């Protein structure tokens, strides 16, 4: 009900049709090129959509978390990316055709699904725009701003390699960017957490 903004009746129908699943770090839900006919509604954790190029390079398309959906919709399709778990993941799984049938039975379900898909689409477009308009360092700083909570903290601190992948740059570039912020006192970082001390200064560096 919370994720899809649906009635108790619709939530019960979904609950009956979905199966809980748990995945570990680096598990692959779907490999690029595989046929997929499943959808996952994320309850907890994160999954990354990664595209592998002809020369083996990995491009991160998006990262999805709680309340977002992954997989094939409205029918089976060949996956054009890997769906890889980052950390751990708990999700509800449902065959694509079954969800399609539930939409026929409960049309109101479409409002909640369209909102989720619309937000995910906008996030992907925003990432594409960042890649086109921002420098590599600027992309690192923008991702850092996205990672912190309402208190401008991230605990545990983000892994540099993961931050680099999200920002579509090298680990070395991301490491230099973070170290520069520490030297200038814009952020504080230790093994337990990262905190933005001057959000205004950091935002001004997103260029």
N, C-alpha and C. Protein backbone atom coordinates (compact mmCIF):
# COMPACT_ATOMS: atom_id res chain seq x y z
N UNK A 1 0.83 -1.21 0.00
CA UNK A 1 0.00 0.00 0.00
C UNK A 1 0.86 1.26 0.00
N UNK A 2 1.94 1.25 0.78
CA UNK A 2 2.80 2.43 0.89
C UNK A 2 3.53 2.70 -0.42
N UNK A 3 4.07 1.65 -1.03
CA UNK A 3 4.86 1.82 -2.25
C UNK A 3 3.99 2.18 -3.45
N UNK A 4 2.84 1.52 -3.57
CA UNK A 4 2.01 1.65 -4.76
C UNK A 4 0.78 2.53 -4.56
N UNK A 5 0.59 3.05 -3.34
CA UNK A 5 -0.54 3.92 -3.06
C UNK A 5 -1.86 3.25 -3.48
N UNK A 6 -2.02 1.99 -3.06
CA UNK A 6 -3.18 1.22 -3.47
C UNK A 6 -4.05 0.87 -2.26
N UNK A 7 -5.24 0.34 -2.53
CA UNK A 7 -6.18 -0.03 -1.48
C UNK A 7 -5.75 -1.34 -0.83
N UNK A 8 -6.29 -1.65 0.35
CA UNK A 8 -5.98 -2.93 0.99
C UNK A 8 -6.33 -4.12 0.10
N UNK A 9 -7.42 -4.03 -0.65
CA UNK A 9 -7.83 -5.13 -1.53
C UNK A 9 -6.76 -5.40 -2.59
N UNK A 10 -6.27 -4.34 -3.21
CA UNK A 10 -5.24 -4.51 -4.24
C UNK A 10 -3.95 -5.01 -3.61
N UNK A 11 -3.60 -4.48 -2.44
CA UNK A 11 -2.38 -4.92 -1.76
C UNK A 11 -2.44 -6.40 -1.43
N UNK A 12 -3.61 -6.90 -1.02
CA UNK A 12 -3.75 -8.32 -0.70
C UNK A 12 -3.61 -9.18 -1.95
N UNK A 13 -4.15 -8.70 -3.07
CA UNK A 13 -4.04 -9.45 -4.32
C UNK A 13 -2.58 -9.52 -4.78
N UNK A 14 -1.87 -8.40 -4.63
CA UNK A 14 -0.45 -8.38 -4.98
C UNK A 14 0.36 -9.30 -4.07
N UNK A 15 0.05 -9.23 -2.79
CA UNK A 15 0.78 -10.05 -1.82
C UNK A 15 0.63 -11.54 -2.13
N UNK A 16 -0.57 -11.93 -2.55
CA UNK A 16 -0.82 -13.33 -2.88
C UNK A 16 -0.07 -13.77 -4.14
N UNK A 17 0.18 -12.82 -5.04
CA UNK A 17 0.81 -13.15 -6.32
C UNK A 17 2.32 -13.03 -6.29
N UNK A 18 2.87 -12.38 -5.26
CA UNK A 18 4.31 -12.12 -5.21
C UNK A 18 5.00 -13.06 -4.23
N UNK A 19 6.27 -13.35 -4.55
CA UNK A 19 7.07 -14.24 -3.69
C UNK A 19 8.26 -13.47 -3.15
N UNK A 20 8.52 -13.53 -1.82
CA UNK A 20 9.68 -12.84 -1.26
C UNK A 20 10.98 -13.52 -1.65
N UNK A 21 11.99 -12.72 -1.95
CA UNK A 21 13.31 -13.24 -2.31
C UNK A 21 14.38 -12.39 -1.65
N UNK A 22 15.51 -13.02 -1.32
CA UNK A 22 16.65 -12.32 -0.72
C UNK A 22 17.89 -12.62 -1.54
N UNK A 23 18.71 -11.60 -1.76
CA UNK A 23 19.91 -11.74 -2.56
C UNK A 23 21.10 -11.16 -1.80
N UNK A 24 22.29 -11.69 -2.10
CA UNK A 24 23.52 -11.23 -1.47
C UNK A 24 24.27 -10.27 -2.39
N UNK A 25 25.27 -9.63 -1.82
CA UNK A 25 26.11 -8.68 -2.56
C UNK A 25 26.70 -9.34 -3.81
N UNK A 26 26.56 -8.64 -4.93
CA UNK A 26 27.08 -9.03 -6.24
C UNK A 26 26.28 -10.15 -6.91
N UNK A 27 25.18 -10.58 -6.30
CA UNK A 27 24.30 -11.51 -7.01
C UNK A 27 23.76 -10.83 -8.27
N UNK A 28 23.55 -11.62 -9.32
CA UNK A 28 23.00 -11.11 -10.57
C UNK A 28 21.56 -11.60 -10.71
N UNK A 29 20.61 -10.69 -10.74
CA UNK A 29 19.22 -11.08 -10.93
C UNK A 29 18.98 -11.51 -12.37
N UNK A 30 19.54 -10.74 -13.29
CA UNK A 30 19.40 -11.04 -14.72
C UNK A 30 20.70 -10.66 -15.41
N UNK A 31 21.20 -11.53 -16.27
CA UNK A 31 22.39 -11.23 -17.06
C UNK A 31 22.01 -10.54 -18.36
N UNK A 32 22.88 -9.66 -18.81
CA UNK A 32 22.69 -9.00 -20.10
C UNK A 32 22.61 -10.06 -21.20
N UNK A 33 21.56 -9.98 -22.00
CA UNK A 33 21.37 -10.94 -23.09
C UNK A 33 20.44 -12.09 -22.75
N UNK A 34 20.13 -12.28 -21.44
CA UNK A 34 19.23 -13.35 -21.03
C UNK A 34 17.77 -12.94 -21.25
N UNK A 35 16.93 -13.93 -21.48
CA UNK A 35 15.49 -13.69 -21.51
C UNK A 35 15.01 -13.51 -20.07
N UNK A 36 14.15 -12.53 -19.87
CA UNK A 36 13.62 -12.29 -18.53
C UNK A 36 12.12 -12.08 -18.60
N UNK A 37 11.41 -12.71 -17.68
CA UNK A 37 9.95 -12.56 -17.63
C UNK A 37 9.49 -12.29 -16.20
N UNK A 38 10.38 -11.69 -15.39
CA UNK A 38 10.09 -11.43 -13.98
C UNK A 38 10.21 -9.95 -13.66
N UNK A 39 9.50 -9.56 -12.60
CA UNK A 39 9.59 -8.20 -12.06
C UNK A 39 9.87 -8.31 -10.56
N UNK A 40 10.69 -7.41 -10.06
CA UNK A 40 11.00 -7.36 -8.63
C UNK A 40 10.62 -5.99 -8.08
N UNK A 41 9.90 -5.99 -6.98
CA UNK A 41 9.62 -4.78 -6.21
C UNK A 41 10.58 -4.78 -5.03
N UNK A 42 11.47 -3.80 -4.98
CA UNK A 42 12.50 -3.76 -3.94
C UNK A 42 11.90 -3.30 -2.61
N UNK A 43 12.14 -4.10 -1.58
CA UNK A 43 11.72 -3.75 -0.22
C UNK A 43 12.85 -3.11 0.56
N UNK A 44 14.07 -3.64 0.39
CA UNK A 44 15.22 -3.14 1.13
C UNK A 44 16.49 -3.43 0.33
N UNK A 45 17.44 -2.50 0.36
CA UNK A 45 18.69 -2.69 -0.36
C UNK A 45 18.69 -1.98 -1.71
N UNK A 46 19.73 -2.26 -2.50
CA UNK A 46 19.89 -1.58 -3.79
C UNK A 46 20.31 -2.58 -4.87
N UNK A 47 19.94 -2.26 -6.10
CA UNK A 47 20.38 -3.02 -7.26
C UNK A 47 20.82 -2.04 -8.34
N UNK A 48 21.86 -2.42 -9.06
CA UNK A 48 22.42 -1.56 -10.09
C UNK A 48 22.12 -2.13 -11.48
N UNK A 49 21.79 -1.24 -12.40
CA UNK A 49 21.61 -1.62 -13.80
C UNK A 49 22.92 -1.30 -14.52
N UNK A 50 23.63 -2.35 -14.96
CA UNK A 50 24.94 -2.17 -15.56
C UNK A 50 24.95 -2.70 -16.99
N UNK A 51 25.52 -1.91 -17.89
CA UNK A 51 25.66 -2.31 -19.28
C UNK A 51 27.12 -2.64 -19.54
N UNK A 52 27.38 -3.81 -20.11
CA UNK A 52 28.74 -4.24 -20.42
C UNK A 52 29.00 -4.01 -21.91
N UNK A 53 30.04 -3.20 -22.22
CA UNK A 53 30.36 -2.88 -23.60
C UNK A 53 31.12 -3.99 -24.29
N UNK A 54 31.38 -3.79 -25.57
CA UNK A 54 32.06 -4.80 -26.38
C UNK A 54 33.46 -5.11 -25.88
N UNK A 55 34.11 -4.12 -25.27
CA UNK A 55 35.47 -4.32 -24.77
C UNK A 55 35.49 -4.65 -23.27
N UNK A 56 34.34 -4.96 -22.72
CA UNK A 56 34.27 -5.35 -21.32
C UNK A 56 34.10 -4.22 -20.33
N UNK A 57 34.04 -2.98 -20.82
CA UNK A 57 33.86 -1.85 -19.91
C UNK A 57 32.45 -1.85 -19.35
N UNK A 58 32.31 -1.44 -18.08
CA UNK A 58 31.02 -1.44 -17.40
C UNK A 58 30.51 0.00 -17.28
N UNK A 59 29.27 0.21 -17.71
CA UNK A 59 28.62 1.51 -17.57
C UNK A 59 27.42 1.35 -16.65
N UNK A 60 27.37 2.15 -15.61
CA UNK A 60 26.25 2.12 -14.68
C UNK A 60 25.13 3.01 -15.22
N UNK A 61 24.00 2.39 -15.49
CA UNK A 61 22.87 3.16 -16.01
C UNK A 61 22.06 3.79 -14.89
N UNK A 62 21.80 3.03 -13.82
CA UNK A 62 21.00 3.54 -12.71
C UNK A 62 21.16 2.63 -11.50
N UNK A 63 20.79 3.16 -10.35
CA UNK A 63 20.72 2.38 -9.12
C UNK A 63 19.31 2.53 -8.55
N UNK A 64 18.68 1.41 -8.23
CA UNK A 64 17.31 1.45 -7.71
C UNK A 64 17.28 0.92 -6.28
N UNK A 65 16.38 1.48 -5.48
CA UNK A 65 16.28 1.10 -4.08
C UNK A 65 14.85 0.82 -3.66
N UNK A 66 14.57 0.86 -2.35
CA UNK A 66 13.25 0.51 -1.83
C UNK A 66 12.12 1.29 -2.50
N UNK A 67 11.06 0.55 -2.87
CA UNK A 67 9.91 1.16 -3.51
C UNK A 67 10.01 1.26 -5.00
N UNK A 68 11.13 0.81 -5.57
CA UNK A 68 11.31 0.85 -7.02
C UNK A 68 11.22 -0.55 -7.59
N UNK A 69 11.01 -0.64 -8.91
CA UNK A 69 10.84 -1.94 -9.54
C UNK A 69 11.91 -2.18 -10.59
N UNK A 70 12.18 -3.46 -10.81
CA UNK A 70 13.17 -3.91 -11.78
C UNK A 70 12.56 -5.03 -12.62
N UNK A 71 13.09 -5.23 -13.82
CA UNK A 71 12.70 -6.39 -14.59
C UNK A 71 11.98 -6.06 -15.88
N UNK A 72 11.27 -7.07 -16.41
CA UNK A 72 10.62 -6.98 -17.72
C UNK A 72 9.15 -6.65 -17.56
N UNK A 73 8.71 -5.63 -18.29
CA UNK A 73 7.29 -5.27 -18.25
C UNK A 73 6.91 -4.61 -19.56
N UNK A 74 5.78 -4.93 -20.17
CA UNK A 74 4.69 -5.76 -19.64
C UNK A 74 4.81 -7.26 -19.99
N UNK A 75 5.86 -7.63 -20.72
CA UNK A 75 5.99 -9.03 -21.12
C UNK A 75 7.45 -9.43 -21.15
N UNK A 76 7.73 -10.71 -21.39
CA UNK A 76 9.09 -11.21 -21.44
C UNK A 76 9.91 -10.47 -22.50
N UNK A 77 11.17 -10.22 -22.17
CA UNK A 77 12.04 -9.54 -23.12
C UNK A 77 13.48 -9.96 -22.87
N UNK A 78 14.34 -9.69 -23.82
CA UNK A 78 15.77 -9.95 -23.64
C UNK A 78 16.39 -8.77 -22.91
N UNK A 79 17.06 -9.06 -21.81
CA UNK A 79 17.62 -7.99 -20.99
C UNK A 79 18.81 -7.35 -21.70
N UNK A 80 18.83 -6.03 -21.77
CA UNK A 80 19.95 -5.32 -22.38
C UNK A 80 20.95 -4.83 -21.35
N UNK A 81 20.86 -5.40 -20.13
CA UNK A 81 21.79 -5.01 -19.06
C UNK A 81 21.83 -6.08 -17.99
N UNK A 82 22.87 -6.03 -17.15
CA UNK A 82 22.93 -6.84 -15.94
C UNK A 82 22.17 -6.11 -14.84
N UNK A 83 21.43 -6.85 -14.03
CA UNK A 83 20.85 -6.30 -12.81
C UNK A 83 21.62 -6.92 -11.66
N UNK A 84 22.45 -6.12 -11.00
CA UNK A 84 23.40 -6.61 -10.01
C UNK A 84 23.11 -6.04 -8.63
N UNK A 85 23.12 -6.90 -7.63
CA UNK A 85 22.84 -6.48 -6.26
C UNK A 85 24.05 -5.76 -5.67
N UNK A 86 23.79 -4.65 -5.00
CA UNK A 86 24.85 -3.92 -4.32
C UNK A 86 24.55 -3.92 -2.83
N UNK A 87 25.37 -4.61 -2.04
CA UNK A 87 25.12 -4.78 -0.62
C UNK A 87 24.31 -6.04 -0.41
N UNK A 88 23.04 -5.90 -0.16
CA UNK A 88 22.11 -7.03 -0.10
C UNK A 88 20.76 -6.51 -0.56
N UNK A 89 19.88 -7.41 -0.88
CA UNK A 89 18.61 -7.00 -1.46
C UNK A 89 17.49 -7.92 -1.01
N UNK A 90 16.38 -7.32 -0.58
CA UNK A 90 15.15 -8.06 -0.30
C UNK A 90 14.07 -7.51 -1.24
N UNK A 91 13.39 -8.40 -1.92
CA UNK A 91 12.42 -7.96 -2.92
C UNK A 91 11.25 -8.93 -3.01
N UNK A 92 10.17 -8.45 -3.61
CA UNK A 92 9.03 -9.29 -3.95
C UNK A 92 9.05 -9.53 -5.45
N UNK A 93 8.95 -10.79 -5.86
CA UNK A 93 9.06 -11.15 -7.27
C UNK A 93 7.70 -11.61 -7.81
N UNK A 94 7.42 -11.20 -9.04
CA UNK A 94 6.17 -11.60 -9.69
C UNK A 94 6.42 -11.75 -11.19
N UNK A 95 5.87 -12.79 -11.84
CA UNK A 95 6.00 -12.90 -13.29
C UNK A 95 5.36 -11.70 -13.99
N UNK A 96 5.98 -11.25 -15.06
CA UNK A 96 5.49 -10.07 -15.78
C UNK A 96 4.04 -10.24 -16.21
N UNK A 97 3.70 -11.41 -16.74
CA UNK A 97 2.33 -11.65 -17.21
C UNK A 97 1.32 -11.57 -16.06
N UNK A 98 1.73 -12.05 -14.88
CA UNK A 98 0.82 -12.01 -13.74
C UNK A 98 0.52 -10.57 -13.32
N UNK A 99 1.56 -9.72 -13.34
CA UNK A 99 1.33 -8.32 -12.99
C UNK A 99 0.44 -7.65 -14.03
N UNK A 100 0.65 -8.02 -15.29
CA UNK A 100 -0.18 -7.48 -16.37
C UNK A 100 -1.65 -7.84 -16.15
N UNK A 101 -1.89 -9.07 -15.74
CA UNK A 101 -3.26 -9.51 -15.48
C UNK A 101 -3.85 -8.79 -14.27
N UNK A 102 -3.04 -8.57 -13.25
CA UNK A 102 -3.53 -7.83 -12.08
C UNK A 102 -3.93 -6.41 -12.46
N UNK A 103 -3.20 -5.82 -13.39
CA UNK A 103 -3.55 -4.48 -13.85
C UNK A 103 -4.89 -4.46 -14.57
N UNK A 104 -5.19 -5.55 -15.28
CA UNK A 104 -6.49 -5.65 -15.94
C UNK A 104 -7.61 -5.75 -14.91
N UNK A 105 -7.34 -6.49 -13.84
CA UNK A 105 -8.35 -6.70 -12.80
C UNK A 105 -8.50 -5.47 -11.90
N UNK A 106 -7.35 -4.83 -11.61
CA UNK A 106 -7.35 -3.67 -10.71
C UNK A 106 -6.71 -2.48 -11.44
N UNK A 107 -7.46 -1.78 -12.30
CA UNK A 107 -6.88 -0.66 -13.07
C UNK A 107 -6.25 0.42 -12.19
N UNK A 108 -6.74 0.58 -10.95
CA UNK A 108 -6.19 1.62 -10.08
C UNK A 108 -4.72 1.37 -9.75
N UNK A 109 -4.30 0.12 -9.89
CA UNK A 109 -2.90 -0.21 -9.64
C UNK A 109 -1.97 0.53 -10.59
N UNK A 110 -2.48 0.87 -11.75
CA UNK A 110 -1.66 1.54 -12.76
C UNK A 110 -1.15 2.89 -12.32
N UNK A 111 -1.91 3.59 -11.46
CA UNK A 111 -1.48 4.92 -11.01
C UNK A 111 -0.20 4.83 -10.19
N UNK A 112 -0.17 3.86 -9.26
CA UNK A 112 1.03 3.69 -8.44
C UNK A 112 2.22 3.24 -9.25
N UNK A 113 2.00 2.30 -10.18
CA UNK A 113 3.10 1.82 -11.01
C UNK A 113 3.63 2.92 -11.93
N UNK A 114 2.75 3.70 -12.50
CA UNK A 114 3.19 4.76 -13.42
C UNK A 114 4.01 5.81 -12.67
N UNK A 115 3.66 6.07 -11.41
CA UNK A 115 4.44 7.04 -10.63
C UNK A 115 5.84 6.52 -10.38
N UNK A 116 5.95 5.23 -10.00
CA UNK A 116 7.28 4.64 -9.78
C UNK A 116 8.10 4.67 -11.05
N UNK A 117 7.51 4.20 -12.16
CA UNK A 117 8.24 4.15 -13.43
C UNK A 117 8.61 5.55 -13.91
N UNK A 118 7.71 6.52 -13.69
CA UNK A 118 8.01 7.89 -14.10
C UNK A 118 9.19 8.47 -13.33
N UNK A 119 9.24 8.22 -12.02
CA UNK A 119 10.36 8.71 -11.21
C UNK A 119 11.67 8.05 -11.64
N UNK A 120 11.60 6.74 -11.93
CA UNK A 120 12.82 6.04 -12.36
C UNK A 120 13.29 6.56 -13.72
N UNK A 121 12.36 6.83 -14.61
CA UNK A 121 12.70 7.37 -15.93
C UNK A 121 13.38 8.73 -15.80
N UNK A 122 12.81 9.59 -14.94
CA UNK A 122 13.39 10.91 -14.73
C UNK A 122 14.79 10.82 -14.14
N UNK A 123 15.00 9.85 -13.23
CA UNK A 123 16.32 9.69 -12.62
C UNK A 123 17.35 9.30 -13.67
N UNK A 124 16.96 8.43 -14.60
CA UNK A 124 17.88 8.01 -15.66
C UNK A 124 18.20 9.18 -16.59
N UNK A 125 17.19 9.98 -16.93
CA UNK A 125 17.43 11.15 -17.76
C UNK A 125 18.34 12.15 -17.05
N UNK A 126 18.16 12.30 -15.75
CA UNK A 126 18.99 13.22 -14.97
C UNK A 126 20.44 12.76 -14.97
N UNK A 127 20.64 11.44 -14.84
CA UNK A 127 22.00 10.89 -14.88
C UNK A 127 22.64 11.12 -16.25
N UNK A 128 21.85 10.93 -17.31
CA UNK A 128 22.35 11.15 -18.66
C UNK A 128 22.74 12.61 -18.86
N UNK A 129 21.90 13.52 -18.36
CA UNK A 129 22.20 14.95 -18.48
C UNK A 129 23.48 15.30 -17.72
N UNK A 130 23.66 14.71 -16.55
CA UNK A 130 24.87 14.96 -15.76
C UNK A 130 26.11 14.50 -16.51
N UNK A 131 26.00 13.34 -17.15
CA UNK A 131 27.15 12.80 -17.87
C UNK A 131 27.54 13.70 -19.04
N UNK A 132 26.55 14.33 -19.65
CA UNK A 132 26.81 15.18 -20.81
C UNK A 132 27.32 16.55 -20.40
N UNK A 133 26.81 17.09 -19.29
CA UNK A 133 27.08 18.50 -18.96
C UNK A 133 28.11 18.70 -17.87
N UNK A 134 28.38 17.71 -17.02
CA UNK A 134 29.29 17.90 -15.90
C UNK A 134 30.66 17.26 -16.15
N UNK A 135 31.68 17.82 -15.50
CA UNK A 135 32.99 17.19 -15.51
C UNK A 135 32.96 15.93 -14.66
N UNK A 136 34.01 15.11 -14.76
CA UNK A 136 34.07 13.89 -13.96
C UNK A 136 34.05 14.21 -12.47
N UNK A 137 34.80 15.23 -12.07
CA UNK A 137 34.81 15.63 -10.67
C UNK A 137 33.45 16.15 -10.24
N UNK A 138 32.81 16.92 -11.09
CA UNK A 138 31.48 17.42 -10.79
C UNK A 138 30.47 16.30 -10.59
N UNK A 139 30.60 15.24 -11.38
CA UNK A 139 29.69 14.10 -11.24
C UNK A 139 29.93 13.39 -9.91
N UNK A 140 31.18 13.30 -9.48
CA UNK A 140 31.49 12.70 -8.18
C UNK A 140 30.83 13.50 -7.07
N UNK A 141 30.95 14.81 -7.13
CA UNK A 141 30.38 15.66 -6.08
C UNK A 141 28.85 15.60 -6.09
N UNK A 142 28.27 15.51 -7.27
CA UNK A 142 26.81 15.42 -7.35
C UNK A 142 26.31 14.10 -6.74
N UNK A 143 27.00 13.01 -7.03
CA UNK A 143 26.61 11.72 -6.46
C UNK A 143 26.77 11.74 -4.94
N UNK A 144 27.81 12.42 -4.47
CA UNK A 144 28.03 12.52 -3.02
C UNK A 144 26.86 13.25 -2.36
N UNK A 145 26.38 14.30 -2.97
CA UNK A 145 25.23 15.03 -2.44
C UNK A 145 23.98 14.16 -2.41
N UNK A 146 23.87 13.26 -3.36
CA UNK A 146 22.71 12.37 -3.41
C UNK A 146 22.77 11.27 -2.35
N UNK A 147 23.98 10.92 -1.94
CA UNK A 147 24.15 9.79 -1.03
C UNK A 147 23.88 10.13 0.43
N UNK A 148 24.06 11.38 0.81
CA UNK A 148 23.94 11.74 2.22
C UNK A 148 22.47 11.85 2.63
N UNK A 149 22.23 11.75 3.94
CA UNK A 149 20.87 11.84 4.46
C UNK A 149 20.51 13.30 4.74
N UNK A 150 19.38 13.49 5.44
CA UNK A 150 18.92 14.85 5.73
C UNK A 150 19.86 15.61 6.65
N UNK A 151 20.76 14.91 7.33
CA UNK A 151 21.77 15.55 8.18
C UNK A 151 23.11 15.71 7.47
N UNK A 152 23.09 15.51 6.16
CA UNK A 152 24.31 15.60 5.34
C UNK A 152 25.37 14.60 5.77
N UNK A 153 24.93 13.41 6.16
CA UNK A 153 25.83 12.35 6.57
C UNK A 153 25.54 11.06 5.81
N UNK A 154 26.58 10.24 5.66
CA UNK A 154 26.45 8.91 5.08
C UNK A 154 27.22 7.95 5.97
N UNK A 155 26.52 6.98 6.54
CA UNK A 155 27.16 6.02 7.43
C UNK A 155 26.70 4.61 7.07
N UNK A 156 27.63 3.75 6.66
CA UNK A 156 29.07 3.97 6.52
C UNK A 156 29.37 4.88 5.33
N UNK A 157 30.60 5.39 5.24
CA UNK A 157 30.94 6.27 4.12
C UNK A 157 30.92 5.50 2.81
N UNK A 158 30.64 6.17 1.70
CA UNK A 158 30.59 5.48 0.42
C UNK A 158 31.95 4.90 0.03
N UNK A 159 31.92 3.74 -0.59
CA UNK A 159 33.13 3.11 -1.10
C UNK A 159 33.56 3.87 -2.36
N UNK A 160 34.83 4.25 -2.43
CA UNK A 160 35.31 5.08 -3.53
C UNK A 160 35.07 4.40 -4.88
N UNK A 161 35.34 3.10 -4.97
CA UNK A 161 35.16 2.40 -6.25
C UNK A 161 33.70 2.44 -6.69
N UNK A 162 32.78 2.27 -5.74
CA UNK A 162 31.35 2.31 -6.06
C UNK A 162 30.93 3.72 -6.45
N UNK A 163 31.46 4.72 -5.75
CA UNK A 163 31.16 6.12 -6.08
C UNK A 163 31.65 6.45 -7.48
N UNK A 164 32.84 5.96 -7.83
CA UNK A 164 33.39 6.20 -9.16
C UNK A 164 32.52 5.57 -10.23
N UNK A 165 32.06 4.35 -9.99
CA UNK A 165 31.22 3.67 -10.98
C UNK A 165 29.91 4.44 -11.17
N UNK A 166 29.33 4.89 -10.07
CA UNK A 166 28.08 5.64 -10.16
C UNK A 166 28.27 6.95 -10.92
N UNK A 167 29.41 7.60 -10.71
CA UNK A 167 29.70 8.87 -11.38
C UNK A 167 30.29 8.68 -12.77
N UNK A 168 30.48 7.42 -13.18
CA UNK A 168 31.05 7.11 -14.49
C UNK A 168 32.42 7.76 -14.69
N UNK A 169 33.31 7.46 -13.74
CA UNK A 169 34.68 7.93 -13.85
C UNK A 169 35.59 6.87 -13.24
N UNK A 170 36.89 7.16 -13.18
CA UNK A 170 37.83 6.19 -12.64
C UNK A 170 37.90 6.30 -11.11
N UNK A 171 38.40 5.24 -10.49
CA UNK A 171 38.55 5.25 -9.05
C UNK A 171 39.54 6.33 -8.63
N UNK A 172 40.60 6.51 -9.42
CA UNK A 172 41.62 7.50 -9.10
C UNK A 172 41.03 8.91 -9.10
N UNK A 173 40.19 9.21 -10.10
CA UNK A 173 39.57 10.53 -10.18
C UNK A 173 38.66 10.77 -8.98
N UNK A 174 37.85 9.77 -8.64
CA UNK A 174 36.95 9.90 -7.49
C UNK A 174 37.73 10.07 -6.20
N UNK A 175 38.83 9.33 -6.04
CA UNK A 175 39.64 9.42 -4.83
C UNK A 175 40.25 10.82 -4.70
N UNK A 176 40.78 11.36 -5.80
CA UNK A 176 41.36 12.71 -5.76
C UNK A 176 40.29 13.74 -5.43
N UNK A 177 39.10 13.57 -5.99
CA UNK A 177 38.02 14.52 -5.74
C UNK A 177 37.62 14.53 -4.27
N UNK A 178 37.50 13.35 -3.67
CA UNK A 178 37.12 13.27 -2.26
C UNK A 178 38.23 13.80 -1.36
N UNK A 179 39.47 13.46 -1.67
CA UNK A 179 40.60 13.95 -0.87
C UNK A 179 40.70 15.47 -0.90
N UNK A 180 40.37 16.07 -2.06
CA UNK A 180 40.40 17.53 -2.17
C UNK A 180 39.36 18.16 -1.25
N UNK A 181 38.21 17.53 -1.14
CA UNK A 181 37.17 18.05 -0.24
C UNK A 181 37.60 17.96 1.22
N UNK A 182 38.26 16.85 1.57
CA UNK A 182 38.75 16.69 2.95
C UNK A 182 39.79 17.75 3.28
N UNK A 183 40.72 17.98 2.37
CA UNK A 183 41.78 18.97 2.60
C UNK A 183 41.21 20.37 2.81
N UNK A 184 40.16 20.69 2.09
CA UNK A 184 39.56 22.02 2.17
C UNK A 184 38.56 22.14 3.32
N UNK A 185 38.32 21.05 4.02
CA UNK A 185 37.39 21.09 5.15
C UNK A 185 35.93 21.11 4.74
N UNK A 186 35.64 20.77 3.48
CA UNK A 186 34.26 20.78 3.01
C UNK A 186 33.52 19.54 3.50
N UNK A 187 34.27 18.44 3.65
CA UNK A 187 33.69 17.23 4.22
C UNK A 187 34.65 16.68 5.29
N UNK A 188 34.11 15.85 6.17
CA UNK A 188 34.91 15.07 7.10
C UNK A 188 34.60 13.60 6.84
N UNK A 189 35.64 12.77 6.86
CA UNK A 189 35.45 11.37 6.51
C UNK A 189 36.35 10.48 7.36
N UNK A 190 35.76 9.44 7.95
CA UNK A 190 36.53 8.42 8.65
C UNK A 190 35.93 7.06 8.32
N UNK A 191 36.30 6.04 9.08
CA UNK A 191 35.83 4.69 8.75
C UNK A 191 34.35 4.50 9.04
N UNK A 192 33.80 5.34 9.91
CA UNK A 192 32.40 5.16 10.32
C UNK A 192 31.41 5.97 9.50
N UNK A 193 31.82 7.16 9.08
CA UNK A 193 30.85 8.00 8.39
C UNK A 193 31.55 9.07 7.56
N UNK A 194 30.75 9.67 6.69
CA UNK A 194 31.17 10.85 5.94
C UNK A 194 30.15 11.94 6.21
N UNK A 195 30.63 13.16 6.47
CA UNK A 195 29.72 14.28 6.74
C UNK A 195 30.11 15.48 5.89
N UNK A 196 29.12 16.09 5.27
CA UNK A 196 29.35 17.34 4.53
C UNK A 196 29.30 18.49 5.52
N UNK A 197 30.39 19.23 5.63
CA UNK A 197 30.48 20.35 6.57
C UNK A 197 29.93 21.63 5.93
N UNK A 198 30.22 21.82 4.66
CA UNK A 198 29.74 23.01 3.96
C UNK A 198 29.02 22.57 2.68
N UNK A 199 27.72 22.40 2.78
CA UNK A 199 26.95 21.96 1.62
C UNK A 199 26.98 22.99 0.50
N UNK A 200 26.92 24.28 0.87
CA UNK A 200 26.93 25.34 -0.13
C UNK A 200 28.19 25.30 -0.99
N UNK A 201 29.35 25.14 -0.34
CA UNK A 201 30.61 25.07 -1.08
C UNK A 201 30.64 23.86 -1.99
N UNK A 202 30.17 22.72 -1.50
CA UNK A 202 30.16 21.51 -2.31
C UNK A 202 29.25 21.67 -3.52
N UNK A 203 28.08 22.25 -3.31
CA UNK A 203 27.16 22.47 -4.43
C UNK A 203 27.77 23.38 -5.48
N UNK A 204 28.57 24.35 -5.04
CA UNK A 204 29.19 25.28 -6.00
C UNK A 204 30.25 24.60 -6.86
N UNK A 205 30.74 23.45 -6.40
CA UNK A 205 31.76 22.72 -7.15
C UNK A 205 31.17 21.72 -8.16
N UNK A 206 29.87 21.59 -8.18
CA UNK A 206 29.22 20.67 -9.11
C UNK A 206 29.12 21.37 -10.47
N UNK A 207 30.21 21.30 -11.23
CA UNK A 207 30.28 21.98 -12.55
C UNK A 207 30.84 21.03 -13.59
